[in-house]
């Protein structure tokens, strides 16, 4: 089982300002969708609420495992969200991804700690026949999940920006870059790079 952290960060590790991203990069939104669809995603309550405000619903085709110490609604899952694999290729073209998309068709699970959320997400991944839990924020969830993370999908935005939310200092220590795709600036879209970093076997 792989635990991945997915984040977009400026050169100075700022990831947010006033609850929003300090940039708009359509390609990064598509990248995020490709990485997370068909998987369980772990996120904090505020991140979950910002998604609800923006989309009017939880992230679709993913099981959303939300971390909150506050009272929360009953867990909800769509039919088959913890079921077996479907075994047929869908729009993404691979049987495993299509099966994961079907199994992680939607729904929200609530847990009181990051550790509990990761355990729940791993169980959902195994039940779905998939093998990558995705941690998607916010800052507190990233910080608490880092000791458990095997892989980082980082969109490095080549800007230094002001913001009120950032990744912790030294957060990439112990990770090695294994792939990189550089994207030049185009119009209002800043230059950015898609990186994958992995922690050597422990």
C-alpha atoms as a PDB file:
ATOM      1  CA  UNK A   1       0.000   0.000   0.000  1.00  0.00           C
ATOM      2  CA  UNK A   2       1.339   3.426  -0.982  1.00  0.00           C
ATOM      3  CA  UNK A   3       0.486   6.612   0.889  1.00  0.00           C
ATOM      4  CA  UNK A   4       0.870   9.640  -1.379  1.00  0.00           C
ATOM      5  CA  UNK A   5       0.788  13.323  -0.536  1.00  0.00           C
ATOM      6  CA  UNK A   6      -0.499  15.577  -3.314  1.00  0.00           C
ATOM      7  CA  UNK A   7       0.192  19.305  -3.094  1.00  0.00           C
ATOM      8  CA  UNK A   8       0.903  22.424  -5.147  1.00  0.00           C
ATOM      9  CA  UNK A   9       3.433  24.741  -3.510  1.00  0.00           C
ATOM     10  CA  UNK A  10       5.269  27.927  -4.434  1.00  0.00           C
ATOM     11  CA  UNK A  11       9.063  28.153  -4.322  1.00  0.00           C
ATOM     12  CA  UNK A  12       8.768  29.399  -0.727  1.00  0.00           C
ATOM     13  CA  UNK A  13       6.401  26.502   0.129  1.00  0.00           C
ATOM     14  CA  UNK A  14       3.274  28.666   0.370  1.00  0.00           C
ATOM     15  CA  UNK A  15       0.213  26.567  -0.460  1.00  0.00           C
ATOM     16  CA  UNK A  16      -2.678  28.902   0.323  1.00  0.00           C
ATOM     17  CA  UNK A  17      -3.962  32.360   1.120  1.00  0.00           C
ATOM     18  CA  UNK A  18      -7.337  33.136   2.691  1.00  0.00           C
ATOM     19  CA  UNK A  19      -8.440  29.533   2.177  1.00  0.00           C
ATOM     20  CA  UNK A  20      -7.710  29.489  -1.550  1.00  0.00           C
ATOM     21  CA  UNK A  21      -4.843  28.811  -3.954  1.00  0.00           C
ATOM     22  CA  UNK A  22      -2.678  31.840  -4.836  1.00  0.00           C
ATOM     23  CA  UNK A  23      -2.726  30.818  -8.534  1.00  0.00           C
ATOM     24  CA  UNK A  24      -4.950  29.244 -11.163  1.00  0.00           C
ATOM     25  CA  UNK A  25      -3.316  26.441 -13.145  1.00  0.00           C
ATOM     26  CA  UNK A  26      -5.859  24.418 -15.161  1.00  0.00           C
ATOM     27  CA  UNK A  27      -3.262  21.767 -15.974  1.00  0.00           C
ATOM     28  CA  UNK A  28      -2.667  21.161 -12.285  1.00  0.00           C
ATOM     29  CA  UNK A  29      -6.385  20.633 -11.692  1.00  0.00           C
ATOM     30  CA  UNK A  30      -6.384  17.977 -14.431  1.00  0.00           C
ATOM     31  CA  UNK A  31      -3.243  16.436 -12.937  1.00  0.00           C
ATOM     32  CA  UNK A  32      -4.898  16.265  -9.505  1.00  0.00           C
ATOM     33  CA  UNK A  33      -7.974  14.619 -10.992  1.00  0.00           C
ATOM     34  CA  UNK A  34      -5.890  11.968 -12.766  1.00  0.00           C
ATOM     35  CA  UNK A  35      -3.962  11.163  -9.609  1.00  0.00           C
ATOM     36  CA  UNK A  36      -6.919  10.918  -7.249  1.00  0.00           C
ATOM     37  CA  UNK A  37      -9.885   9.515  -9.167  1.00  0.00           C
ATOM     38  CA  UNK A  38     -10.571   5.932  -8.224  1.00  0.00           C
ATOM     39  CA  UNK A  39      -8.829   6.248  -4.856  1.00  0.00           C
ATOM     40  CA  UNK A  40      -9.600   7.108  -1.255  1.00  0.00           C
ATOM     41  CA  UNK A  41      -8.552  10.665  -0.402  1.00  0.00           C
ATOM     42  CA  UNK A  42      -7.741  11.910   3.108  1.00  0.00           C
ATOM     43  CA  UNK A  43      -8.505  15.555   3.845  1.00  0.00           C
ATOM     44  CA  UNK A  44      -9.254  17.927   6.686  1.00  0.00           C
ATOM     45  CA  UNK A  45     -12.653  19.384   7.494  1.00  0.00           C
ATOM     46  CA  UNK A  46     -11.844  22.881   6.197  1.00  0.00           C
ATOM     47  CA  UNK A  47     -10.545  21.480   2.906  1.00  0.00           C
ATOM     48  CA  UNK A  48     -13.691  19.365   2.639  1.00  0.00           C
ATOM     49  CA  UNK A  49     -15.884  22.410   3.289  1.00  0.00           C
ATOM     50  CA  UNK A  50     -14.036  24.470   0.667  1.00  0.00           C
ATOM     51  CA  UNK A  51     -14.658  21.702  -1.889  1.00  0.00           C
ATOM     52  CA  UNK A  52     -18.352  21.622  -0.964  1.00  0.00           C
ATOM     53  CA  UNK A  53     -18.538  25.399  -1.402  1.00  0.00           C
ATOM     54  CA  UNK A  54     -16.835  25.232  -4.789  1.00  0.00           C
ATOM     55  CA  UNK A  55     -18.402  22.081  -6.263  1.00  0.00           C
ATOM     56  CA  UNK A  56     -21.597  21.732  -4.253  1.00  0.00           C
ATOM     57  CA  UNK A  57     -20.641  18.134  -3.396  1.00  0.00           C
ATOM     58  CA  UNK A  58     -17.677  16.055  -2.208  1.00  0.00           C
ATOM     59  CA  UNK A  59     -15.039  15.108  -4.760  1.00  0.00           C
ATOM     60  CA  UNK A  60     -16.759  12.639  -7.115  1.00  0.00           C
ATOM     61  CA  UNK A  61     -15.405   9.190  -8.021  1.00  0.00           C
ATOM     62  CA  UNK A  62     -13.335   9.212  -4.834  1.00  0.00           C
ATOM     63  CA  UNK A  63     -14.127   8.149  -1.288  1.00  0.00           C
ATOM     64  CA  UNK A  64     -13.540  11.247   0.837  1.00  0.00           C
ATOM     65  CA  UNK A  65     -12.151  10.390   4.282  1.00  0.00           C
ATOM     66  CA  UNK A  66     -12.471  13.588   6.311  1.00  0.00           C
ATOM     67  CA  UNK A  67     -10.537  14.287   9.513  1.00  0.00           C
ATOM     68  CA  UNK A  68     -12.472  16.260  12.115  1.00  0.00           C
ATOM     69  CA  UNK A  69     -12.519  16.351  15.901  1.00  0.00           C
ATOM     70  CA  UNK A  70     -15.871  18.138  15.787  1.00  0.00           C
ATOM     71  CA  UNK A  71     -19.189  16.258  15.785  1.00  0.00           C
ATOM     72  CA  UNK A  72     -19.806  15.034  12.275  1.00  0.00           C
ATOM     73  CA  UNK A  73     -22.587  13.473  10.202  1.00  0.00           C
ATOM     74  CA  UNK A  74     -23.045   9.764   9.779  1.00  0.00           C
ATOM     75  CA  UNK A  75     -20.636   8.130   7.355  1.00  0.00           C
ATOM     76  CA  UNK A  76     -22.103   7.753   3.873  1.00  0.00           C
ATOM     77  CA  UNK A  77     -21.026   5.609   0.962  1.00  0.00           C
ATOM     78  CA  UNK A  78     -22.499   4.963  -2.427  1.00  0.00           C
ATOM     79  CA  UNK A  79     -23.274   1.394  -3.378  1.00  0.00           C
ATOM     80  CA  UNK A  80     -20.121  -0.568  -4.006  1.00  0.00           C
ATOM     81  CA  UNK A  81     -17.773   1.959  -2.451  1.00  0.00           C
ATOM     82  CA  UNK A  82     -16.043  -0.810  -0.538  1.00  0.00           C
ATOM     83  CA  UNK A  83     -16.824  -3.568  -2.965  1.00  0.00           C
ATOM     84  CA  UNK A  84     -14.817  -5.756  -5.277  1.00  0.00           C
ATOM     85  CA  UNK A  85     -13.114  -4.731  -8.492  1.00  0.00           C
ATOM     86  CA  UNK A  86     -15.111  -4.522 -11.677  1.00  0.00           C
ATOM     87  CA  UNK A  87     -12.309  -5.764 -13.909  1.00  0.00           C
ATOM     88  CA  UNK A  88     -13.220  -3.755 -17.011  1.00  0.00           C
ATOM     89  CA  UNK A  89     -11.444  -0.739 -18.424  1.00  0.00           C
ATOM     90  CA  UNK A  90     -13.162   2.623 -18.273  1.00  0.00           C
ATOM     91  CA  UNK A  91     -12.356   6.064 -19.605  1.00  0.00           C
ATOM     92  CA  UNK A  92      -8.888   5.989 -18.076  1.00  0.00           C
ATOM     93  CA  UNK A  93      -8.072   2.871 -20.049  1.00  0.00           C
ATOM     94  CA  UNK A  94      -6.811   0.481 -17.365  1.00  0.00           C
ATOM     95  CA  UNK A  95      -8.840  -2.216 -15.594  1.00  0.00           C
ATOM     96  CA  UNK A  96      -7.392  -1.383 -12.176  1.00  0.00           C
ATOM     97  CA  UNK A  97      -8.159   2.327 -12.427  1.00  0.00           C
ATOM     98  CA  UNK A  98     -11.628   1.691 -13.816  1.00  0.00           C
ATOM     99  CA  UNK A  99     -12.333  -0.770 -11.018  1.00  0.00           C
ATOM    100  CA  UNK A 100     -11.092   1.722  -8.453  1.00  0.00           C
ATOM    101  CA  UNK A 101     -13.291   4.452  -9.908  1.00  0.00           C
ATOM    102  CA  UNK A 102     -16.313   2.174  -9.639  1.00  0.00           C
ATOM    103  CA  UNK A 103     -15.480   1.106  -6.097  1.00  0.00           C
ATOM    104  CA  UNK A 104     -14.668   4.662  -4.984  1.00  0.00           C
ATOM    105  CA  UNK A 105     -17.801   6.049  -6.591  1.00  0.00           C
ATOM    106  CA  UNK A 106     -18.281   8.641  -3.875  1.00  0.00           C
ATOM    107  CA  UNK A 107     -19.380   9.130  -0.310  1.00  0.00           C
ATOM    108  CA  UNK A 108     -17.815  10.585   2.805  1.00  0.00           C
ATOM    109  CA  UNK A 109     -16.255   8.863   5.793  1.00  0.00           C
ATOM    110  CA  UNK A 110     -15.442  10.807   8.952  1.00  0.00           C
ATOM    111  CA  UNK A 111     -12.573  10.038  11.333  1.00  0.00           C
ATOM    112  CA  UNK A 112     -11.246  11.865  14.379  1.00  0.00           C
ATOM    113  CA  UNK A 113      -7.510  11.648  13.627  1.00  0.00           C
ATOM    114  CA  UNK A 114      -5.177  11.450  10.658  1.00  0.00           C
ATOM    115  CA  UNK A 115      -3.984   8.023  11.789  1.00  0.00           C
ATOM    116  CA  UNK A 116      -7.568   6.717  11.871  1.00  0.00           C
ATOM    117  CA  UNK A 117      -8.310   8.312   8.498  1.00  0.00           C
ATOM    118  CA  UNK A 118      -5.264   6.677   6.908  1.00  0.00           C
ATOM    119  CA  UNK A 119      -6.242   3.289   8.331  1.00  0.00           C
ATOM    120  CA  UNK A 120      -9.789   3.673   6.988  1.00  0.00           C
ATOM    121  CA  UNK A 121      -8.511   4.796   3.587  1.00  0.00           C
ATOM    122  CA  UNK A 122      -6.140   1.821   3.385  1.00  0.00           C
ATOM    123  CA  UNK A 123      -8.995  -0.571   4.183  1.00  0.00           C
ATOM    124  CA  UNK A 124     -11.116   1.041   1.462  1.00  0.00           C
ATOM    125  CA  UNK A 125      -8.253   0.756  -1.037  1.00  0.00           C
ATOM    126  CA  UNK A 126      -7.776  -2.940  -0.286  1.00  0.00           C
ATOM    127  CA  UNK A 127     -11.495  -3.604  -0.603  1.00  0.00           C
ATOM    128  CA  UNK A 128     -11.508  -1.804  -3.952  1.00  0.00           C
ATOM    129  CA  UNK A 129      -8.455  -3.626  -5.281  1.00  0.00           C
ATOM    130  CA  UNK A 130      -6.443  -0.403  -5.479  1.00  0.00           C
ATOM    131  CA  UNK A 131      -3.269   0.462  -3.634  1.00  0.00           C
ATOM    132  CA  UNK A 132      -2.681   4.204  -3.247  1.00  0.00           C
ATOM    133  CA  UNK A 133      -4.131   6.417  -0.528  1.00  0.00           C
ATOM    134  CA  UNK A 134      -4.017  10.124  -1.443  1.00  0.00           C
ATOM    135  CA  UNK A 135      -3.523  12.809   1.216  1.00  0.00           C
ATOM    136  CA  UNK A 136      -4.804  16.116  -0.198  1.00  0.00           C
ATOM    137  CA  UNK A 137      -4.657  18.676   2.638  1.00  0.00           C
ATOM    138  CA  UNK A 138      -4.855  21.014   4.320  1.00  0.00           C
ATOM    139  CA  UNK A 139      -1.678  22.047   6.092  1.00  0.00           C
ATOM    140  CA  UNK A 140      -2.380  20.329   9.417  1.00  0.00           C
ATOM    141  CA  UNK A 141      -3.303  17.049   7.724  1.00  0.00           C
ATOM    142  CA  UNK A 142      -0.179  17.236   5.551  1.00  0.00           C
ATOM    143  CA  UNK A 143       1.999  17.812   8.610  1.00  0.00           C
ATOM    144  CA  UNK A 144       0.506  14.927  10.575  1.00  0.00           C
ATOM    145  CA  UNK A 145       0.543  12.542   7.599  1.00  0.00           C
ATOM    146  CA  UNK A 146       4.148  13.203   6.520  1.00  0.00           C
ATOM    147  CA  UNK A 147       5.736  10.466   8.690  1.00  0.00           C
ATOM    148  CA  UNK A 148       3.518   7.904   6.923  1.00  0.00           C
ATOM    149  CA  UNK A 149       4.010   9.201   3.365  1.00  0.00           C
ATOM    150  CA  UNK A 150       5.867   7.084   0.795  1.00  0.00           C
ATOM    151  CA  UNK A 151       5.413   9.296  -2.268  1.00  0.00           C
ATOM    152  CA  UNK A 152       4.930  13.012  -2.953  1.00  0.00           C
ATOM    153  CA  UNK A 153       3.229  14.358  -6.064  1.00  0.00           C
ATOM    154  CA  UNK A 154       4.382  17.984  -5.974  1.00  0.00           C
ATOM    155  CA  UNK A 155       3.363  20.715  -8.359  1.00  0.00           C
ATOM    156  CA  UNK A 156       6.136  23.230  -7.797  1.00  0.00           C
ATOM    157  CA  UNK A 157       4.865  26.655  -8.848  1.00  0.00           C
ATOM    158  CA  UNK A 158       7.807  28.844  -9.828  1.00  0.00           C
ATOM    159  CA  UNK A 159       6.708  31.906  -7.889  1.00  0.00           C
ATOM    160  CA  UNK A 160       7.439  33.332  -4.464  1.00  0.00           C
ATOM    161  CA  UNK A 161       4.128  34.510  -3.071  1.00  0.00           C
ATOM    162  CA  UNK A 162       2.671  35.848   0.143  1.00  0.00           C
ATOM    163  CA  UNK A 163       0.310  33.498   1.917  1.00  0.00           C
ATOM    164  CA  UNK A 164      -0.965  32.346   5.275  1.00  0.00           C
ATOM    165  CA  UNK A 165      -0.585  28.599   4.746  1.00  0.00           C
ATOM    166  CA  UNK A 166       2.619  26.776   3.931  1.00  0.00           C
ATOM    167  CA  UNK A 167       4.260  23.391   4.121  1.00  0.00           C
ATOM    168  CA  UNK A 168       6.454  22.743   7.169  1.00  0.00           C
ATOM    169  CA  UNK A 169      10.138  23.614   6.978  1.00  0.00           C
ATOM    170  CA  UNK A 170      12.270  20.755   5.652  1.00  0.00           C
ATOM    171  CA  UNK A 171       9.226  18.725   4.674  1.00  0.00           C
ATOM    172  CA  UNK A 172      10.920  17.096   1.656  1.00  0.00           C
ATOM    173  CA  UNK A 173      13.917  15.830   3.622  1.00  0.00           C
ATOM    174  CA  UNK A 174      14.295  12.093   3.038  1.00  0.00           C
ATOM    175  CA  UNK A 175      12.537  12.114  -0.348  1.00  0.00           C
ATOM    176  CA  UNK A 176      14.276  11.641  -3.703  1.00  0.00           C
ATOM    177  CA  UNK A 177      13.058  13.067  -7.010  1.00  0.00           C
ATOM    178  CA  UNK A 178      12.214  10.287  -9.483  1.00  0.00           C
ATOM    179  CA  UNK A 179      10.433  12.207 -12.241  1.00  0.00           C
ATOM    180  CA  UNK A 180       9.913  15.788 -13.347  1.00  0.00           C
ATOM    181  CA  UNK A 181       7.969  17.572 -16.084  1.00  0.00           C
ATOM    182  CA  UNK A 182       8.640  21.301 -16.520  1.00  0.00           C
ATOM    183  CA  UNK A 183       5.866  23.485 -17.940  1.00  0.00           C
ATOM    184  CA  UNK A 184       6.734  27.029 -19.136  1.00  0.00           C
ATOM    185  CA  UNK A 185       4.643  30.061 -18.263  1.00  0.00           C
ATOM    186  CA  UNK A 186       1.813  30.813 -20.663  1.00  0.00           C
ATOM    187  CA  UNK A 187      -0.212  33.995 -20.333  1.00  0.00           C
ATOM    188  CA  UNK A 188      -1.472  34.296 -16.750  1.00  0.00           C
ATOM    189  CA  UNK A 189      -0.459  30.706 -15.941  1.00  0.00           C
ATOM    190  CA  UNK A 190       2.898  30.679 -14.127  1.00  0.00           C
ATOM    191  CA  UNK A 191       5.724  28.291 -14.941  1.00  0.00           C
ATOM    192  CA  UNK A 192       5.457  25.126 -12.889  1.00  0.00           C
ATOM    193  CA  UNK A 193       6.856  21.621 -12.635  1.00  0.00           C
ATOM    194  CA  UNK A 194       5.176  18.311 -11.906  1.00  0.00           C
ATOM    195  CA  UNK A 195       7.468  16.290  -9.657  1.00  0.00           C
ATOM    196  CA  UNK A 196       7.217  12.851  -8.162  1.00  0.00           C
ATOM    197  CA  UNK A 197       9.383  12.171  -5.152  1.00  0.00           C
ATOM    198  CA  UNK A 198       9.684   8.925  -3.234  1.00  0.00           C
ATOM    199  CA  UNK A 199      11.073   7.926   0.107  1.00  0.00           C
ATOM    200  CA  UNK A 200      13.710   5.178  -0.162  1.00  0.00           C
ATOM    201  CA  UNK A 201      12.616   1.872   1.399  1.00  0.00           C
ATOM    202  CA  UNK A 202      12.724   2.116   5.168  1.00  0.00           C
END
